[in-house]
């Protein structure tokens, strides 16, 4: 995959990115109209942004409640020892767990921050137990059950006026 450099993303590209983040289902004709280009140059810019790895994909946003996944939990995992091998084993285990939406190796007082969407506390207990059993070294966890979601989104700030 090619990588588009920040210096290659101009004001028009930023407008495209901003519009597509708001509505990824826009037709190229609608997108071109919104940003003030004809369809062909707009389509070429979108293809360039896709090839360059700036646009990583298009997704439908689903309602977790409607799918029985209303419980949102964040888990801090602290490993008793750290090595490249341990981190690789953790990566392999957590990458393939579908209930884990996000997992980040972080700096600070703990090692991993995990975000999971679940059906109930019972499922959370099962998930946590499964994760802790697969950790290659002893680990400690701290959990945070979300009581109210104030804001959740995937859109990155894109300043369409920036050059």
Protein backbone atom coordinates (compact mmCIF):
# COMPACT_ATOMS: atom_id res chain seq x y z
CA UNK A 1 0.00 0.00 0.00
CA UNK A 2 1.26 3.46 -0.87
CA UNK A 3 1.17 6.14 1.77
CA UNK A 4 -0.02 9.64 1.04
CA UNK A 5 2.05 12.19 2.96
CA UNK A 6 0.39 14.99 4.91
CA UNK A 7 2.03 17.48 2.54
CA UNK A 8 0.14 15.83 -0.34
CA UNK A 9 -3.28 16.31 1.28
CA UNK A 10 -4.59 19.66 0.14
CA UNK A 11 -7.69 21.69 1.00
CA UNK A 12 -9.88 19.80 -1.49
CA UNK A 13 -8.70 16.41 -0.17
CA UNK A 14 -9.57 17.59 3.35
CA UNK A 15 -13.06 18.55 2.19
CA UNK A 16 -13.46 15.10 0.64
CA UNK A 17 -12.32 13.40 3.85
CA UNK A 18 -14.61 15.55 5.97
CA UNK A 19 -17.65 14.80 3.80
CA UNK A 20 -16.94 11.06 3.58
CA UNK A 21 -16.58 10.82 7.35
CA UNK A 22 -20.00 12.42 7.73
CA UNK A 23 -21.58 10.14 5.13
CA UNK A 24 -19.58 7.31 3.59
CA UNK A 25 -22.52 6.39 1.36
CA UNK A 26 -22.32 9.56 -0.72
CA UNK A 27 -22.18 8.87 -4.43
CA UNK A 28 -19.18 10.33 -6.21
CA UNK A 29 -21.55 12.74 -7.99
CA UNK A 30 -22.98 13.98 -4.66
CA UNK A 31 -19.51 14.25 -3.16
CA UNK A 32 -18.18 16.16 -6.16
CA UNK A 33 -21.11 18.59 -5.96
CA UNK A 34 -20.52 19.24 -2.25
CA UNK A 35 -16.83 20.02 -2.71
CA UNK A 36 -17.14 21.93 -5.96
CA UNK A 37 -15.46 19.54 -8.40
CA UNK A 38 -16.68 17.56 -11.37
CA UNK A 39 -17.14 13.83 -10.81
CA UNK A 40 -14.02 12.54 -12.61
CA UNK A 41 -11.40 14.57 -10.70
CA UNK A 42 -13.27 13.92 -7.46
CA UNK A 43 -13.26 10.16 -8.11
CA UNK A 44 -9.53 10.23 -8.88
CA UNK A 45 -8.83 12.05 -5.63
CA UNK A 46 -10.87 9.51 -3.66
CA UNK A 47 -9.02 6.63 -5.36
CA UNK A 48 -5.67 8.29 -4.58
CA UNK A 49 -6.66 8.71 -0.92
CA UNK A 50 -7.74 5.06 -0.78
CA UNK A 51 -4.56 3.78 -2.48
CA UNK A 52 -2.45 6.02 -0.26
CA UNK A 53 -3.90 4.53 2.92
CA UNK A 54 -5.62 7.72 4.07
CA UNK A 55 -9.09 6.22 3.59
CA UNK A 56 -8.95 2.80 5.22
CA UNK A 57 -12.51 1.66 4.53
CA UNK A 58 -16.21 2.38 4.68
CA UNK A 59 -18.36 1.05 7.50
CA UNK A 60 -21.94 0.82 8.69
CA UNK A 61 -22.38 2.01 12.27
CA UNK A 62 -24.59 -0.43 14.16
CA UNK A 63 -26.73 0.10 17.25
CA UNK A 64 -25.22 -2.14 19.98
CA UNK A 65 -28.51 -2.21 21.94
CA UNK A 66 -30.39 -3.50 18.90
CA UNK A 67 -27.91 -6.38 18.66
CA UNK A 68 -27.99 -7.25 22.36
CA UNK A 69 -24.55 -5.73 22.99
CA UNK A 70 -25.50 -2.85 25.28
CA UNK A 71 -22.81 -3.43 27.91
CA UNK A 72 -19.64 -1.44 27.20
CA UNK A 73 -16.60 -2.30 29.32
CA UNK A 74 -13.03 -1.01 29.41
CA UNK A 75 -10.36 -3.21 30.97
CA UNK A 76 -6.84 -2.29 32.03
CA UNK A 77 -4.45 -5.23 31.96
CA UNK A 78 -1.15 -5.12 33.80
CA UNK A 79 1.33 -7.89 33.04
CA UNK A 80 3.73 -9.15 35.71
CA UNK A 81 6.59 -9.30 33.22
CA UNK A 82 7.18 -7.81 29.81
CA UNK A 83 9.07 -9.00 26.77
CA UNK A 84 8.64 -8.97 23.02
CA UNK A 85 7.47 -12.60 23.20
CA UNK A 86 4.85 -11.84 25.85
CA UNK A 87 3.57 -8.83 23.90
CA UNK A 88 3.35 -10.93 20.71
CA UNK A 89 1.37 -13.67 22.48
CA UNK A 90 -1.02 -11.08 23.93
CA UNK A 91 -1.43 -9.53 20.50
CA UNK A 92 -2.30 -12.89 18.93
CA UNK A 93 -4.86 -13.72 21.64
CA UNK A 94 -6.64 -10.38 21.63
CA UNK A 95 -6.65 -9.86 17.86
CA UNK A 96 -8.92 -12.85 17.35
CA UNK A 97 -11.47 -12.16 20.08
CA UNK A 98 -14.57 -10.70 18.33
CA UNK A 99 -16.02 -9.18 21.51
CA UNK A 100 -12.90 -7.02 21.86
CA UNK A 101 -13.54 -3.93 19.74
CA UNK A 102 -10.27 -2.20 20.54
CA UNK A 103 -7.04 -3.14 22.25
CA UNK A 104 -4.15 -0.78 22.79
CA UNK A 105 -0.68 -1.40 24.21
CA UNK A 106 -0.11 1.77 26.23
CA UNK A 107 2.50 3.48 28.34
CA UNK A 108 1.74 4.24 31.96
CA UNK A 109 0.72 2.26 35.04
CA UNK A 110 -0.87 -0.57 33.04
CA UNK A 111 0.01 -2.30 29.77
CA UNK A 112 -3.18 -2.82 27.75
CA UNK A 113 -6.45 -0.97 27.45
CA UNK A 114 -9.22 -3.18 26.08
CA UNK A 115 -12.67 -2.05 24.93
CA UNK A 116 -15.39 -4.71 24.69
CA UNK A 117 -19.11 -4.76 23.81
CA UNK A 118 -21.06 -7.47 25.55
CA UNK A 119 -24.58 -8.68 26.28
CA UNK A 120 -24.40 -8.83 30.08
CA UNK A 121 -22.10 -8.98 33.10
CA UNK A 122 -22.11 -12.78 32.85
CA UNK A 123 -20.55 -12.55 29.40
CA UNK A 124 -18.04 -10.02 30.71
CA UNK A 125 -16.95 -12.40 33.49
CA UNK A 126 -16.51 -15.12 30.88
CA UNK A 127 -14.49 -12.84 28.58
CA UNK A 128 -12.23 -11.60 31.37
CA UNK A 129 -11.62 -15.13 32.60
CA UNK A 130 -10.79 -16.26 29.07
CA UNK A 131 -8.37 -13.38 28.54
CA UNK A 132 -6.63 -13.90 31.88
CA UNK A 133 -6.27 -17.66 31.22
CA UNK A 134 -4.57 -16.96 27.89
CA UNK A 135 -2.17 -14.30 29.17
CA UNK A 136 1.31 -15.89 29.04
CA UNK A 137 2.31 -14.38 32.42
CA UNK A 138 0.38 -13.52 35.58
CA UNK A 139 -1.71 -10.37 35.07
CA UNK A 140 -3.87 -7.99 37.02
CA UNK A 141 -7.00 -6.32 35.69
CA UNK A 142 -9.08 -3.26 36.49
CA UNK A 143 -12.49 -2.96 34.86
CA UNK A 144 -14.71 0.00 34.12
CA UNK A 145 -18.34 -0.59 33.17
CA UNK A 146 -19.78 2.33 31.23
CA UNK A 147 -22.95 3.72 32.82
CA UNK A 148 -23.69 6.28 30.10
CA UNK A 149 -22.12 6.83 26.72
CA UNK A 150 -21.67 10.57 26.24
CA UNK A 151 -19.87 10.48 22.91
CA UNK A 152 -18.54 7.73 20.71
CA UNK A 153 -17.41 8.21 17.16
CA UNK A 154 -14.89 7.32 14.54
CA UNK A 155 -14.61 10.66 12.77
CA UNK A 156 -11.20 12.34 12.98
CA UNK A 157 -11.04 16.12 13.05
CA UNK A 158 -10.29 17.31 9.52
CA UNK A 159 -9.89 21.01 9.01
CA UNK A 160 -11.14 21.51 5.45
CA UNK A 161 -9.66 25.02 5.41
CA UNK A 162 -6.11 23.82 6.20
CA UNK A 163 -3.62 23.48 3.38
